[in-house]
N, C-alpha and C. Protein backbone atom coordinates (compact mmCIF):
# COMPACT_ATOMS: atom_id res chain seq x y z
N MET A 1 8.28 16.28 -6.03
CA MET A 1 7.17 15.83 -6.84
C MET A 1 6.37 17.19 -7.00
N ASN A 2 5.70 17.18 -8.26
CA ASN A 2 4.81 18.36 -8.59
C ASN A 2 3.36 18.06 -8.13
N LEU A 3 2.70 19.17 -8.38
CA LEU A 3 1.24 19.04 -7.77
C LEU A 3 0.57 18.14 -8.70
N ALA A 4 0.75 18.05 -9.97
CA ALA A 4 -0.20 17.06 -10.65
C ALA A 4 -0.01 15.63 -10.45
N ILE A 5 1.21 15.39 -9.88
CA ILE A 5 1.49 13.91 -9.29
C ILE A 5 0.70 13.74 -8.20
N TRP A 6 0.82 14.83 -7.09
CA TRP A 6 0.08 14.64 -5.90
C TRP A 6 -1.36 14.58 -6.17
N GLY A 7 -1.97 15.16 -6.93
CA GLY A 7 -3.25 15.25 -7.37
C GLY A 7 -3.56 13.81 -7.99
N CYS A 8 -2.88 13.15 -8.71
CA CYS A 8 -3.22 11.83 -9.19
C CYS A 8 -2.83 10.82 -8.10
N LEU A 9 -2.08 10.92 -7.27
CA LEU A 9 -1.89 9.90 -6.03
C LEU A 9 -3.21 9.89 -5.14
N ILE A 10 -3.68 11.17 -4.95
CA ILE A 10 -4.80 11.49 -4.13
C ILE A 10 -5.96 10.72 -4.82
N THR A 11 -6.28 11.04 -6.17
CA THR A 11 -7.36 10.47 -6.70
C THR A 11 -7.14 8.93 -6.76
N ILE A 12 -5.91 8.25 -6.77
CA ILE A 12 -5.89 6.70 -6.79
C ILE A 12 -6.30 6.44 -5.36
N ALA A 13 -5.94 7.12 -4.17
CA ALA A 13 -6.32 6.92 -2.82
C ALA A 13 -7.78 6.76 -2.92
N VAL A 14 -8.38 8.01 -3.21
CA VAL A 14 -9.65 8.01 -3.28
C VAL A 14 -10.46 6.89 -3.96
N TYR A 15 -10.16 6.54 -5.02
CA TYR A 15 -10.77 5.56 -5.93
C TYR A 15 -10.54 4.23 -5.37
N ASP A 16 -9.14 3.82 -4.63
CA ASP A 16 -9.05 2.46 -4.09
C ASP A 16 -9.90 2.47 -2.74
N ALA A 17 -9.89 3.58 -1.83
CA ALA A 17 -10.72 3.55 -0.89
C ALA A 17 -12.15 3.22 -1.07
N ARG A 18 -12.66 3.59 -2.30
CA ARG A 18 -14.03 3.48 -2.49
C ARG A 18 -14.48 2.43 -3.21
N ASP A 19 -13.49 1.73 -4.16
CA ASP A 19 -13.68 0.78 -5.17
C ASP A 19 -13.00 -0.40 -5.01
N ASN A 20 -11.82 -0.21 -4.17
CA ASN A 20 -10.97 -1.36 -4.07
C ASN A 20 -10.19 -1.56 -5.28
N ARG A 21 -10.01 -0.69 -6.30
CA ARG A 21 -9.35 -0.78 -7.59
C ARG A 21 -8.37 0.38 -7.74
N ILE A 22 -7.19 0.14 -8.44
CA ILE A 22 -6.45 1.37 -8.72
C ILE A 22 -6.27 1.30 -10.21
N PRO A 23 -6.88 2.40 -10.74
CA PRO A 23 -6.74 2.50 -12.32
C PRO A 23 -5.49 2.74 -12.89
N ASN A 24 -5.18 1.72 -13.82
CA ASN A 24 -3.90 1.62 -14.43
C ASN A 24 -3.58 3.02 -15.33
N LYS A 25 -4.59 3.75 -15.83
CA LYS A 25 -4.35 4.89 -16.65
C LYS A 25 -3.64 6.15 -15.72
N LEU A 26 -4.11 6.05 -14.42
CA LEU A 26 -3.59 7.04 -13.53
C LEU A 26 -2.10 6.68 -13.34
N LEU A 27 -1.83 5.54 -13.18
CA LEU A 27 -0.53 4.99 -12.83
C LEU A 27 0.47 5.46 -14.08
N LEU A 28 -0.07 5.07 -15.22
CA LEU A 28 0.76 5.61 -16.45
C LEU A 28 0.73 6.91 -16.45
N PHE A 29 -0.03 7.77 -16.25
CA PHE A 29 -0.11 9.17 -16.36
C PHE A 29 1.04 9.74 -15.39
N ILE A 30 1.01 9.01 -14.16
CA ILE A 30 1.99 9.46 -13.29
C ILE A 30 3.53 9.40 -13.63
N LEU A 31 3.55 8.21 -14.22
CA LEU A 31 4.89 7.87 -14.90
C LEU A 31 5.15 8.92 -16.02
N PHE A 32 4.37 9.10 -16.81
CA PHE A 32 4.16 10.15 -17.87
C PHE A 32 4.77 11.54 -17.42
N LEU A 33 4.03 12.08 -16.41
CA LEU A 33 4.34 13.26 -15.69
C LEU A 33 5.88 13.37 -15.21
N PHE A 34 6.30 12.09 -14.56
CA PHE A 34 7.66 12.09 -13.88
C PHE A 34 8.61 12.16 -15.12
N VAL A 35 8.47 11.52 -16.29
CA VAL A 35 9.52 11.44 -17.33
C VAL A 35 9.61 12.80 -18.09
N ILE A 36 8.25 13.24 -18.18
CA ILE A 36 8.35 14.61 -18.68
C ILE A 36 9.06 15.71 -18.07
N GLU A 37 8.63 15.71 -16.50
CA GLU A 37 9.19 16.71 -15.55
C GLU A 37 10.60 16.56 -15.66
N ASN A 38 11.26 15.51 -15.77
CA ASN A 38 12.75 15.06 -15.68
C ASN A 38 13.37 15.64 -17.03
N ILE A 39 12.60 15.29 -17.93
CA ILE A 39 13.34 15.67 -19.41
C ILE A 39 13.30 17.25 -19.40
N LEU A 40 12.28 17.89 -19.08
CA LEU A 40 12.34 19.19 -19.33
C LEU A 40 13.18 19.86 -18.20
N ALA A 41 13.31 19.30 -16.96
CA ALA A 41 14.54 19.88 -16.26
C ALA A 41 15.75 19.31 -16.49
N GLY A 42 16.12 18.47 -17.44
CA GLY A 42 17.45 18.27 -18.10
C GLY A 42 17.95 17.39 -17.17
N THR A 43 17.42 16.24 -16.70
CA THR A 43 17.88 15.27 -15.74
C THR A 43 18.43 14.25 -16.62
N PRO A 44 19.96 13.99 -16.41
CA PRO A 44 20.63 12.85 -17.31
C PRO A 44 19.62 11.42 -17.24
N LEU A 45 20.05 10.77 -18.38
CA LEU A 45 19.49 9.45 -18.57
C LEU A 45 19.83 8.49 -17.50
N THR A 46 21.09 8.62 -16.80
CA THR A 46 21.42 7.69 -15.73
C THR A 46 20.66 8.01 -14.53
N THR A 47 20.42 9.17 -14.20
CA THR A 47 19.48 9.07 -12.92
C THR A 47 18.12 8.73 -13.39
N LEU A 48 17.22 8.75 -14.71
CA LEU A 48 16.12 8.37 -14.78
C LEU A 48 16.22 6.65 -15.00
N SER A 49 17.39 6.23 -15.28
CA SER A 49 17.49 4.75 -15.21
C SER A 49 17.50 4.23 -13.78
N LYS A 50 18.15 5.17 -12.79
CA LYS A 50 18.45 4.72 -11.46
C LYS A 50 16.95 4.68 -10.99
N ALA A 51 16.02 5.77 -11.27
CA ALA A 51 14.67 5.76 -10.89
C ALA A 51 13.90 4.57 -11.39
N PHE A 52 14.07 4.16 -12.51
CA PHE A 52 13.27 2.85 -13.05
C PHE A 52 13.89 1.54 -12.42
N ILE A 53 15.16 1.67 -11.93
CA ILE A 53 15.64 0.45 -11.25
C ILE A 53 15.00 0.34 -9.74
N SER A 54 15.01 1.51 -9.22
CA SER A 54 14.27 1.69 -7.79
C SER A 54 12.73 1.39 -7.94
N GLY A 55 12.11 1.49 -8.96
CA GLY A 55 10.77 1.02 -9.03
C GLY A 55 10.68 -0.35 -9.49
N SER A 56 11.63 -0.80 -10.12
CA SER A 56 11.58 -2.32 -10.37
C SER A 56 11.86 -3.12 -8.91
N LEU A 57 12.57 -2.40 -8.20
CA LEU A 57 12.97 -2.97 -6.69
C LEU A 57 11.62 -3.02 -5.91
N PHE A 58 10.80 -1.78 -5.87
CA PHE A 58 9.68 -1.66 -5.23
C PHE A 58 8.64 -2.63 -5.73
N PHE A 59 8.58 -2.98 -6.94
CA PHE A 59 7.81 -3.67 -7.50
C PHE A 59 7.94 -5.02 -7.35
N SER A 60 9.14 -5.44 -7.28
CA SER A 60 9.78 -6.91 -6.85
C SER A 60 9.06 -7.13 -5.49
N ILE A 61 9.50 -6.35 -4.63
CA ILE A 61 8.96 -6.34 -3.11
C ILE A 61 7.55 -6.33 -3.13
N GLY A 62 6.68 -5.65 -3.83
CA GLY A 62 5.40 -5.79 -3.90
C GLY A 62 4.87 -7.17 -4.33
N LEU A 63 5.56 -7.54 -5.55
CA LEU A 63 5.02 -8.89 -6.11
C LEU A 63 5.42 -10.18 -5.15
N VAL A 64 6.22 -10.02 -4.31
CA VAL A 64 6.73 -10.85 -3.28
C VAL A 64 5.32 -11.16 -2.32
N PHE A 65 5.00 -9.82 -1.83
CA PHE A 65 3.76 -9.88 -1.09
C PHE A 65 2.67 -10.47 -1.90
N TYR A 66 2.37 -10.06 -3.23
CA TYR A 66 1.37 -10.47 -3.92
C TYR A 66 1.20 -12.02 -3.86
N PHE A 67 2.48 -12.63 -4.08
CA PHE A 67 2.33 -14.18 -3.96
C PHE A 67 2.21 -14.88 -2.67
N LEU A 68 2.39 -13.93 -1.66
CA LEU A 68 2.00 -14.35 -0.31
C LEU A 68 0.62 -13.92 -0.03
N LYS A 69 -0.16 -13.47 -0.97
CA LYS A 69 -1.45 -13.13 -0.70
C LYS A 69 -1.79 -12.22 0.12
N ALA A 70 -0.80 -11.09 0.25
CA ALA A 70 -1.21 -10.06 1.37
C ALA A 70 -1.16 -8.86 0.53
N MET A 71 -1.30 -8.75 -0.85
CA MET A 71 -1.34 -7.50 -1.34
C MET A 71 -2.13 -7.71 -2.99
N ALA A 72 -2.95 -6.76 -3.33
CA ALA A 72 -3.42 -6.92 -4.44
C ALA A 72 -2.60 -6.63 -5.96
N PRO A 73 -2.87 -6.89 -6.99
CA PRO A 73 -2.03 -6.64 -8.07
C PRO A 73 -1.84 -5.01 -8.40
N GLY A 74 -2.93 -4.00 -8.08
CA GLY A 74 -2.90 -2.73 -8.03
C GLY A 74 -2.12 -2.24 -7.11
N ASP A 75 -2.04 -2.83 -5.98
CA ASP A 75 -0.95 -2.13 -4.94
C ASP A 75 0.39 -2.48 -5.39
N VAL A 76 0.62 -3.71 -6.09
CA VAL A 76 1.95 -3.85 -6.41
C VAL A 76 2.38 -2.88 -7.59
N LYS A 77 1.48 -2.52 -8.54
CA LYS A 77 1.93 -1.61 -9.64
C LYS A 77 2.17 -0.20 -8.99
N LEU A 78 1.27 -0.04 -8.00
CA LEU A 78 1.41 1.30 -7.12
C LEU A 78 2.94 1.52 -6.46
N LEU A 79 3.22 0.31 -6.20
CA LEU A 79 4.41 0.49 -5.54
C LEU A 79 5.58 0.55 -6.36
N GLY A 80 5.33 0.29 -7.41
CA GLY A 80 6.35 0.24 -8.61
C GLY A 80 6.48 1.71 -9.18
N VAL A 81 5.38 2.29 -9.16
CA VAL A 81 5.27 3.61 -9.52
C VAL A 81 5.88 4.45 -8.14
N VAL A 82 5.83 4.37 -7.25
CA VAL A 82 6.13 5.14 -6.06
C VAL A 82 7.58 4.92 -6.01
N GLY A 83 8.03 3.69 -6.48
CA GLY A 83 9.79 3.39 -6.26
C GLY A 83 10.28 4.43 -7.58
N VAL A 84 9.56 4.72 -8.51
CA VAL A 84 10.10 5.23 -9.85
C VAL A 84 10.06 6.78 -9.61
N ILE A 85 9.19 7.30 -8.73
CA ILE A 85 9.15 8.71 -8.42
C ILE A 85 9.91 9.18 -7.32
N MET A 86 10.07 8.13 -6.32
CA MET A 86 10.96 8.72 -5.09
C MET A 86 12.32 8.25 -5.56
N ASP A 87 13.34 8.98 -4.88
CA ASP A 87 14.62 8.93 -5.11
C ASP A 87 15.22 7.80 -4.49
N TRP A 88 16.27 7.02 -5.22
CA TRP A 88 17.03 5.91 -4.70
C TRP A 88 17.21 5.80 -3.24
N GLY A 89 17.76 7.01 -2.78
CA GLY A 89 18.28 7.00 -1.36
C GLY A 89 17.34 7.26 -0.46
N SER A 90 15.96 7.49 -0.89
CA SER A 90 15.02 7.75 -0.01
C SER A 90 13.84 6.55 0.05
N LEU A 91 14.32 5.32 -0.67
CA LEU A 91 13.33 4.30 -0.53
C LEU A 91 13.10 3.66 0.83
N PHE A 92 14.21 3.78 1.60
CA PHE A 92 13.97 3.12 3.02
C PHE A 92 13.28 4.04 3.98
N THR A 93 13.49 5.37 3.86
CA THR A 93 12.80 6.28 4.49
C THR A 93 11.16 6.14 4.09
N VAL A 94 10.87 6.02 2.81
CA VAL A 94 9.61 5.87 2.50
C VAL A 94 9.12 4.67 2.71
N SER A 95 9.63 3.50 2.80
CA SER A 95 9.25 2.17 3.42
C SER A 95 8.80 2.33 4.87
N TYR A 96 9.60 3.04 5.41
CA TYR A 96 9.42 3.45 6.96
C TYR A 96 7.87 4.08 7.17
N TRP A 97 7.84 5.11 6.50
CA TRP A 97 6.70 6.06 6.77
C TRP A 97 5.34 5.09 6.38
N ILE A 98 5.42 4.28 5.03
CA ILE A 98 4.59 3.63 4.46
C ILE A 98 4.19 2.62 5.52
N LEU A 99 5.08 1.92 6.10
CA LEU A 99 4.87 1.02 7.06
C LEU A 99 4.48 1.49 8.50
N LEU A 100 4.65 2.42 8.84
CA LEU A 100 3.90 3.13 9.95
C LEU A 100 2.54 3.79 9.83
N SER A 101 2.27 4.11 8.55
CA SER A 101 0.86 4.78 8.21
C SER A 101 0.07 3.50 8.07
N GLY A 102 0.62 2.38 7.69
CA GLY A 102 -0.28 1.14 7.30
C GLY A 102 -0.44 0.47 8.65
N ALA A 103 0.32 0.59 9.81
CA ALA A 103 -0.10 0.04 11.05
C ALA A 103 -0.89 0.79 11.65
N LEU A 104 -0.91 2.27 11.50
CA LEU A 104 -1.91 3.01 12.00
C LEU A 104 -3.57 2.71 11.62
N ILE A 105 -3.27 2.90 10.06
CA ILE A 105 -4.63 2.75 9.50
C ILE A 105 -5.15 1.32 9.77
N GLY A 106 -4.37 0.22 9.81
CA GLY A 106 -4.70 -1.02 10.20
C GLY A 106 -5.39 -1.18 11.60
N CYS A 107 -4.78 -0.50 12.42
CA CYS A 107 -5.41 -0.56 13.80
C CYS A 107 -6.93 0.04 13.66
N PHE A 108 -6.95 1.27 12.81
CA PHE A 108 -8.34 1.67 12.74
C PHE A 108 -9.22 0.90 12.08
N TYR A 109 -8.92 -0.08 11.03
CA TYR A 109 -9.69 -0.76 10.42
C TYR A 109 -10.08 -2.08 11.43
N TYR A 110 -9.35 -2.43 12.31
CA TYR A 110 -9.60 -3.46 13.25
C TYR A 110 -10.74 -3.02 14.15
N LEU A 111 -10.42 -1.70 14.63
CA LEU A 111 -11.39 -1.14 15.42
C LEU A 111 -12.69 -0.94 15.01
N GLU A 112 -12.73 -0.63 13.67
CA GLU A 112 -13.93 -0.63 12.89
C GLU A 112 -14.61 -1.97 12.73
N MET A 113 -13.78 -2.85 12.58
CA MET A 113 -14.38 -4.40 12.41
C MET A 113 -15.12 -4.82 13.89
N ALA A 114 -14.27 -4.30 15.13
CA ALA A 114 -14.81 -4.51 16.29
C ALA A 114 -16.28 -3.93 16.62
N SER A 115 -16.31 -2.84 16.08
CA SER A 115 -17.59 -1.89 16.46
C SER A 115 -18.70 -2.47 15.40
N VAL A 116 -18.46 -2.69 14.25
CA VAL A 116 -19.54 -3.35 13.28
C VAL A 116 -20.15 -4.72 13.64
N ASN A 117 -19.15 -5.51 13.84
CA ASN A 117 -19.42 -6.82 14.25
C ASN A 117 -18.69 -7.45 15.42
N PRO A 118 -19.02 -7.25 16.61
CA PRO A 118 -18.26 -7.68 17.75
C PRO A 118 -18.07 -9.00 18.00
N ILE A 119 -19.14 -9.77 17.56
CA ILE A 119 -19.10 -11.33 17.59
C ILE A 119 -17.90 -11.82 16.68
N ARG A 120 -17.54 -11.19 15.50
CA ARG A 120 -16.73 -11.77 14.57
C ARG A 120 -15.39 -11.23 15.09
N PHE A 121 -15.29 -10.20 15.79
CA PHE A 121 -14.06 -9.59 16.27
C PHE A 121 -13.75 -10.70 17.34
N LYS A 122 -14.72 -11.30 18.23
CA LYS A 122 -14.24 -12.07 19.42
C LYS A 122 -13.78 -13.41 18.96
N LEU A 123 -14.60 -13.93 17.77
CA LEU A 123 -13.85 -15.07 17.32
C LEU A 123 -12.47 -14.82 16.73
N TRP A 124 -12.08 -13.69 15.98
CA TRP A 124 -10.86 -13.48 15.71
C TRP A 124 -9.88 -13.32 16.74
N ALA A 125 -10.31 -12.67 17.87
CA ALA A 125 -9.55 -12.41 19.10
C ALA A 125 -9.23 -13.81 19.73
N ASP A 126 -10.28 -14.74 19.89
CA ASP A 126 -9.98 -16.02 20.65
C ASP A 126 -9.23 -16.88 19.81
N LYS A 127 -9.23 -16.73 18.44
CA LYS A 127 -8.38 -17.64 17.73
C LYS A 127 -6.79 -17.26 18.14
N TRP A 128 -6.55 -15.92 17.87
CA TRP A 128 -5.11 -15.64 18.08
C TRP A 128 -4.66 -15.52 19.73
N LEU A 129 -5.68 -15.44 20.43
CA LEU A 129 -5.23 -15.71 21.76
C LEU A 129 -4.75 -17.08 22.15
N ALA A 130 -5.46 -18.09 21.76
CA ALA A 130 -5.58 -19.51 21.95
C ALA A 130 -4.14 -19.74 21.19
N TYR A 131 -3.76 -19.26 20.12
CA TYR A 131 -2.71 -19.50 19.37
C TYR A 131 -1.46 -19.12 20.29
N PHE A 132 -1.56 -17.83 20.71
CA PHE A 132 -0.50 -17.10 21.37
C PHE A 132 -0.37 -17.58 22.78
N LEU A 133 -1.24 -18.07 23.88
CA LEU A 133 -1.26 -18.69 24.97
C LEU A 133 -0.90 -20.29 24.96
N TYR A 134 -1.45 -20.99 24.15
CA TYR A 134 -1.44 -22.22 24.18
C TYR A 134 -0.80 -23.12 23.02
N GLY A 135 -0.40 -22.35 21.87
CA GLY A 135 0.23 -22.62 20.80
C GLY A 135 -0.92 -23.58 19.95
N VAL A 136 -2.06 -23.28 20.24
CA VAL A 136 -2.89 -24.29 19.33
C VAL A 136 -3.91 -23.38 18.63
N LYS A 137 -3.87 -23.41 17.28
CA LYS A 137 -4.72 -22.92 16.23
C LYS A 137 -5.99 -23.34 16.11
N ARG A 138 -7.10 -22.52 16.36
CA ARG A 138 -8.38 -23.13 16.48
C ARG A 138 -8.87 -22.53 14.99
N ASP A 139 -9.71 -23.55 14.25
CA ASP A 139 -10.19 -23.07 13.03
C ASP A 139 -11.80 -22.44 13.05
N THR A 140 -12.23 -22.32 14.19
CA THR A 140 -13.43 -21.92 14.37
C THR A 140 -13.75 -20.48 13.43
N TYR A 141 -12.80 -19.65 13.52
CA TYR A 141 -12.63 -18.19 12.88
C TYR A 141 -12.74 -18.57 11.36
N GLN A 142 -12.02 -19.30 10.88
CA GLN A 142 -12.03 -19.71 9.50
C GLN A 142 -13.20 -20.23 8.84
N GLN A 143 -13.84 -21.00 9.68
CA GLN A 143 -15.03 -21.83 9.40
C GLN A 143 -16.34 -20.84 9.40
N THR A 144 -16.42 -19.84 10.39
CA THR A 144 -17.33 -18.80 10.50
C THR A 144 -17.73 -17.68 9.53
N VAL A 145 -16.24 -17.43 8.95
CA VAL A 145 -16.16 -16.05 8.17
C VAL A 145 -15.92 -16.50 6.75
N HIS A 146 -16.99 -15.87 5.98
CA HIS A 146 -17.09 -16.09 4.59
C HIS A 146 -16.05 -15.48 3.62
N GLN A 147 -15.51 -15.76 2.53
CA GLN A 147 -14.69 -15.06 1.93
C GLN A 147 -14.69 -13.72 1.66
N SER A 148 -16.23 -13.31 1.33
CA SER A 148 -16.44 -11.89 1.17
C SER A 148 -16.63 -11.02 2.38
N GLU A 149 -16.56 -11.55 3.47
CA GLU A 149 -16.62 -10.85 4.82
C GLU A 149 -15.51 -10.65 5.55
N LYS A 150 -14.39 -11.26 4.93
CA LYS A 150 -12.91 -10.84 5.32
C LYS A 150 -12.49 -9.31 5.53
N LEU A 151 -11.72 -9.32 6.26
CA LEU A 151 -11.38 -7.57 6.32
C LEU A 151 -10.53 -7.19 5.24
N ARG A 152 -10.79 -6.24 4.58
CA ARG A 152 -9.90 -5.88 3.48
C ARG A 152 -9.40 -4.42 3.76
N MET A 153 -8.27 -3.97 3.55
CA MET A 153 -7.80 -2.70 3.74
C MET A 153 -7.13 -2.06 2.43
N PRO A 154 -7.66 -0.99 2.00
CA PRO A 154 -7.20 -0.65 0.88
C PRO A 154 -5.74 0.01 1.11
N PHE A 155 -4.91 -0.26 0.10
CA PHE A 155 -3.47 0.04 0.42
C PHE A 155 -2.96 1.55 -0.21
N ALA A 156 -3.53 2.03 -1.20
CA ALA A 156 -3.27 3.21 -2.04
C ALA A 156 -3.41 4.42 -0.93
N PRO A 157 -4.22 4.50 0.04
CA PRO A 157 -4.20 5.55 0.98
C PRO A 157 -3.44 5.47 2.09
N VAL A 158 -2.76 4.23 2.38
CA VAL A 158 -1.78 4.18 3.27
C VAL A 158 -0.42 4.70 2.36
N VAL A 159 -0.29 4.27 1.30
CA VAL A 159 0.94 4.64 0.48
C VAL A 159 1.05 6.07 0.44
N VAL A 160 -0.31 6.85 0.20
CA VAL A 160 -0.42 8.24 -0.15
C VAL A 160 0.05 9.05 1.28
N ILE A 161 -0.63 8.61 2.38
CA ILE A 161 -0.20 9.05 3.55
C ILE A 161 1.06 8.99 4.09
N GLY A 162 1.63 7.81 3.66
CA GLY A 162 3.14 7.47 4.00
C GLY A 162 4.15 8.40 3.19
N LEU A 163 3.60 8.57 1.90
CA LEU A 163 4.41 9.85 1.09
C LEU A 163 4.43 11.13 1.49
N ALA A 164 3.20 11.41 2.17
CA ALA A 164 3.03 12.76 2.60
C ALA A 164 3.72 13.00 4.02
N LEU A 165 3.64 11.84 4.77
CA LEU A 165 4.80 11.94 5.96
C LEU A 165 5.97 12.00 5.65
N HIS A 166 6.39 11.26 4.66
CA HIS A 166 8.01 11.24 4.29
C HIS A 166 8.29 12.74 3.69
N SER A 167 7.20 13.26 2.90
CA SER A 167 7.73 14.66 2.29
C SER A 167 7.52 15.78 3.63
N TYR A 168 6.83 15.40 4.49
CA TYR A 168 6.65 16.45 5.64
C TYR A 168 7.60 16.39 6.62
N PHE A 169 8.27 15.23 6.92
CA PHE A 169 9.19 14.94 8.07
C PHE A 169 10.38 14.82 7.46
């Protein structure tokens, strides 16, 4: 990947961390840069078609998570773009690094939730502790937490960190 694509990815990560939105213009610009870079390099059209097939695979996986309400629509589009710019053979390793960085950043978000609002964290921990120990799911956590107070983690920084780890290791 070239420096302009990395710059756009970092801009997307910062924008998502700040506003919880991913701008479509930057995603389209990354696709445009990828296609122009491959055309100038003389890449055959079969390779470009494989790139778009891998992008549609990543997009489909993200779409499943969207329907499960585990991912936002911008994150699904970002995964599609990441699938296009990454090689078909490296999709599994990219997925591994994205999952690893997501677990790490998710732990930091839960620790931040515990430090900002310890009562809310205790309710959350009691709910899952009762579920794992006794098989009883308590609804006290759902009743006390308003929809706007639920923990939300931006996914674009996770993806960019995962891509950086994939590129480095």
